[in-house]
Amino acid sequence: MNSRLLHTEYLNLLKSTLDKLSAENLEKVTEAFLETYQNGGTFYVFGNGGSAATASHMAGDFVKGASSGLENRFRFICLNDNMSALMAIANDISYDDVFMEQLKNFVRKEDLVIGISGSGNSTNVVKALAYANEIGAKTLALCGYSGGKIKEISMYCIHAEVHDMEVAEDVHMVIFHTIKQALIKHLHGEKSVSMGKVYDERIKGKTE
């Protein structure tokens, strides 16, 4: 099997999708993250399937990596990681309500609610963002394809303009990582250290 052409096509599509992202829009979203952090707000993130994995990854990055060394740490919660709550809500109410019902327990006006959906039309993500809007929280949509409903209803939106689910998911992870690094450098100032250097030192320490 000669898959070189397929790999090249995929990588070129990923590159062209990343090139469409607006640095100005990324800056606005980063400012929303910073404002939420400075106001003591909580971040709630969620999605389905691959987007759920992205949400879980990002929560872990902010709870540990972005918060390391800070006196005031990021309050970051991934709603699709609470398996007991997810299954109880899905079984007793509806899978469409698995994220919204959790937000009813926690979300406040100073919080930022982040919904991830490749299509932009996952009903449970749409309903959760709509609820967050109703109570006055900030909302951020990460979507692909045409953007779907979450692009229309969210206060902030970063849209991976591509009709390919895997590429959209790749772009969403890049978006989170660039926001994370920008915030680390801002909050740590001159003390900001490349995570690559941190990992190099960690590996060196374990091998000596």
Protein backbone atom coordinates (compact mmCIF):
# COMPACT_ATOMS: atom_id res chain seq x y z
CA MET A 1 0.00 0.00 0.00
CA ASN A 2 1.40 3.37 -1.05
CA SER A 3 -0.22 5.84 1.33
CA ARG A 4 2.18 8.74 0.81
CA LEU A 5 -0.30 10.72 -1.30
CA LEU A 6 -3.07 10.23 1.28
CA HIS A 7 -0.81 11.47 4.07
CA THR A 8 0.24 14.47 2.01
CA GLU A 9 -3.37 15.37 1.23
CA TYR A 10 -4.36 15.14 4.89
CA LEU A 11 -1.44 17.25 6.08
CA ASN A 12 -2.08 19.87 3.41
CA LEU A 13 -5.74 20.07 4.43
CA LEU A 14 -4.73 20.48 8.07
CA LYS A 15 -2.24 23.22 7.20
CA SER A 16 -4.74 25.13 5.05
CA THR A 17 -7.38 24.92 7.81
CA LEU A 18 -4.94 26.28 10.39
CA ASP A 19 -4.04 29.11 8.01
CA LYS A 20 -7.69 30.21 8.00
CA LEU A 21 -7.71 30.84 11.75
CA SER A 22 -7.80 34.47 12.79
CA ALA A 23 -5.06 35.56 15.20
CA GLU A 24 -7.32 38.46 16.21
CA ASN A 25 -10.11 36.04 17.15
CA LEU A 26 -7.69 33.83 19.09
CA GLU A 27 -6.57 36.93 20.99
CA LYS A 28 -10.17 37.80 21.91
CA VAL A 29 -10.80 34.29 23.20
CA THR A 30 -7.54 34.33 25.17
CA GLU A 31 -8.64 37.60 26.78
CA ALA A 32 -11.93 35.93 27.73
CA PHE A 33 -9.95 33.12 29.37
CA LEU A 34 -7.82 35.64 31.25
CA GLU A 35 -10.84 37.65 32.39
CA THR A 36 -12.56 34.51 33.67
CA TYR A 37 -9.41 33.47 35.55
CA GLN A 38 -8.88 36.90 37.10
CA ASN A 39 -12.52 37.10 38.22
CA GLY A 40 -12.31 33.73 39.97
CA GLY A 41 -14.57 32.09 37.45
CA THR A 42 -14.72 28.42 36.57
CA PHE A 43 -14.21 26.93 33.11
CA TYR A 44 -16.56 24.15 32.01
CA VAL A 45 -15.68 22.18 28.88
CA PHE A 46 -17.43 19.26 27.19
CA GLY A 47 -18.03 17.37 23.97
CA ASN A 48 -18.83 13.96 22.51
CA GLY A 49 -16.50 11.30 21.11
CA GLY A 50 -13.22 12.80 19.95
CA SER A 51 -14.37 16.19 21.22
CA ALA A 52 -14.87 14.64 24.65
CA ALA A 53 -11.26 13.49 24.58
CA THR A 54 -10.16 17.00 23.62
CA ALA A 55 -12.22 18.46 26.47
CA SER A 56 -10.69 16.03 28.98
CA HIS A 57 -7.18 16.72 27.67
CA MET A 58 -7.67 20.46 27.99
CA ALA A 59 -9.03 20.29 31.52
CA GLY A 60 -6.01 18.24 32.53
CA ASP A 61 -3.63 20.72 30.90
CA PHE A 62 -5.13 23.67 32.75
CA VAL A 63 -5.52 21.97 36.12
CA LYS A 64 -1.89 20.90 36.09
CA GLY A 65 0.30 22.49 33.40
CA ALA A 66 -1.16 25.99 33.16
CA SER A 67 -1.71 26.20 36.93
CA SER A 68 1.72 24.99 37.99
CA GLY A 69 3.49 27.61 40.10
CA LEU A 70 0.48 29.93 40.32
CA GLU A 71 -0.97 30.96 43.67
CA ASN A 72 -4.38 31.35 42.05
CA ARG A 73 -4.94 28.26 39.98
CA PHE A 74 -7.29 27.61 37.08
CA ARG A 75 -10.68 26.18 38.03
CA PHE A 76 -11.24 23.89 35.04
CA ILE A 77 -13.82 21.10 34.91
CA CYS A 78 -14.57 18.65 32.10
CA LEU A 79 -18.26 17.68 32.28
CA ASN A 80 -17.90 14.53 30.18
CA ASP A 81 -15.45 13.06 32.73
CA ASN A 82 -18.18 12.53 35.36
CA MET A 83 -19.33 9.13 34.13
CA SER A 84 -21.83 8.48 36.93
CA ALA A 85 -23.58 11.80 36.35
CA LEU A 86 -23.57 11.31 32.58
CA MET A 87 -25.15 7.87 32.77
CA ALA A 88 -27.72 8.83 35.39
CA ILE A 89 -28.88 11.88 33.43
CA ALA A 90 -28.89 9.99 30.13
CA ASN A 91 -30.85 7.09 31.65
CA ASP A 92 -33.34 9.07 33.71
CA ILE A 93 -33.81 12.20 31.59
CA SER A 94 -32.13 12.28 28.18
CA TYR A 95 -28.67 12.12 26.64
CA ASP A 96 -29.49 15.52 25.17
CA ASP A 97 -29.37 16.95 28.70
CA VAL A 98 -26.15 15.38 30.05
CA PHE A 99 -24.19 18.64 30.03
CA MET A 100 -26.96 21.14 30.71
CA GLU A 101 -28.15 19.29 33.82
CA GLN A 102 -24.63 19.39 35.28
CA LEU A 103 -24.31 23.11 34.53
CA LYS A 104 -27.50 23.70 36.52
CA ASN A 105 -25.60 22.54 39.61
CA PHE A 106 -22.58 24.76 39.16
CA VAL A 107 -22.44 27.50 36.53
CA ARG A 108 -22.35 31.18 37.51
CA LYS A 109 -22.26 34.45 35.58
CA GLU A 110 -18.48 34.83 35.97
CA ASP A 111 -17.80 31.43 34.39
CA LEU A 112 -16.79 30.46 30.85
CA VAL A 113 -18.63 27.53 29.27
CA ILE A 114 -16.85 25.83 26.36
CA GLY A 115 -18.72 23.49 24.03
CA ILE A 116 -16.89 21.43 21.41
CA SER A 117 -18.68 19.88 18.43
CA GLY A 118 -17.19 18.99 15.08
CA SER A 119 -20.51 19.49 13.31
CA GLY A 120 -21.59 22.31 15.60
CA ASN A 121 -24.97 20.66 15.97
CA SER A 122 -24.62 18.11 18.80
CA THR A 123 -27.87 18.60 20.68
CA ASN A 124 -26.41 18.19 24.16
CA VAL A 125 -23.71 20.77 23.41
CA VAL A 126 -26.23 23.19 21.90
CA LYS A 127 -28.56 22.91 24.91
CA ALA A 128 -25.75 23.41 27.43
CA LEU A 129 -24.44 26.54 25.69
CA ALA A 130 -27.96 27.93 25.35
CA TYR A 131 -28.53 27.41 29.09
CA ALA A 132 -25.23 29.12 29.93
CA ASN A 133 -26.30 32.07 27.80
CA GLU A 134 -29.59 32.28 29.69
CA ILE A 135 -27.90 32.64 33.08
CA GLY A 136 -25.39 35.19 31.75
CA ALA A 137 -22.18 33.16 31.62
CA LYS A 138 -19.69 33.61 28.79
CA THR A 139 -19.85 30.93 26.10
CA LEU A 140 -17.27 29.67 23.63
CA ALA A 141 -17.97 27.31 20.72
CA LEU A 142 -15.35 25.21 18.97
CA CYS A 143 -16.78 23.80 15.79
CA GLY A 144 -15.97 22.53 12.31
CA TYR A 145 -17.87 22.04 9.03
CA SER A 146 -20.24 25.02 8.55
CA GLY A 147 -20.17 25.88 12.26
CA GLY A 148 -23.67 24.69 13.02
CA LYS A 149 -25.96 26.00 15.75
CA ILE A 150 -23.26 26.52 18.38
CA LYS A 151 -21.51 29.04 16.12
CA GLU A 152 -24.74 31.03 15.96
CA ILE A 153 -25.54 31.10 19.68
CA SER A 154 -22.17 31.47 21.41
CA MET A 155 -20.56 34.69 22.56
CA TYR A 156 -17.20 33.55 21.18
CA CYS A 157 -16.50 31.04 18.45
CA ILE A 158 -13.41 29.51 16.89
CA HIS A 159 -14.40 27.77 13.70
CA ALA A 160 -12.23 25.17 11.98
CA GLU A 161 -13.55 25.74 8.48
CA VAL A 162 -13.20 22.25 7.07
CA HIS A 163 -15.55 19.42 6.10
CA ASP A 164 -13.44 16.75 7.74
CA MET A 165 -14.06 15.59 11.30
CA GLU A 166 -10.50 14.45 12.04
CA VAL A 167 -8.95 17.67 10.80
CA ALA A 168 -11.47 19.74 12.77
CA GLU A 169 -10.58 17.78 15.92
CA ASP A 170 -6.86 18.28 15.27
CA VAL A 171 -7.37 22.03 14.91
CA HIS A 172 -9.39 22.25 18.12
CA MET A 173 -6.51 20.71 20.07
CA VAL A 174 -4.06 23.17 18.50
CA ILE A 175 -6.35 26.04 19.47
CA PHE A 176 -6.43 24.98 23.11
CA HIS A 177 -2.69 24.53 23.23
CA THR A 178 -1.93 27.96 21.78
CA ILE A 179 -4.32 29.60 24.27
CA LYS A 180 -2.70 27.67 27.10
CA GLN A 181 0.81 28.73 26.11
CA ALA A 182 -0.21 32.36 25.67
CA LEU A 183 -1.73 32.41 29.16
CA ILE A 184 1.29 30.71 30.74
CA LYS A 185 3.64 33.28 29.23
CA HIS A 186 1.40 36.15 30.32
CA LEU A 187 0.81 34.96 33.89
CA HIS A 188 4.38 33.85 34.58
CA GLY A 189 6.08 36.74 32.80
CA GLU A 190 9.85 36.45 32.87
CA LYS A 191 9.54 33.27 34.92
CA SER A 192 7.72 31.56 32.06
CA VAL A 193 9.53 28.38 31.08
CA SER A 194 9.07 26.36 27.92
CA MET A 195 7.23 23.14 28.75
CA GLY A 196 9.67 21.41 26.43
CA LYS A 197 12.51 22.39 28.76
CA VAL A 198 10.52 21.22 31.77
CA TYR A 199 9.99 17.81 30.22
CA ASP A 200 13.64 17.59 29.13
CA GLU A 201 14.78 18.20 32.71
CA ARG A 202 12.25 15.70 34.05
CA ILE A 203 13.47 12.99 31.69
CA LYS A 204 17.11 13.83 32.44
CA GLY A 205 16.46 13.53 36.18
CA LYS A 206 14.90 10.10 35.76
CA THR A 207 17.77 8.75 33.69
CA GLU A 208 20.60 9.90 35.94
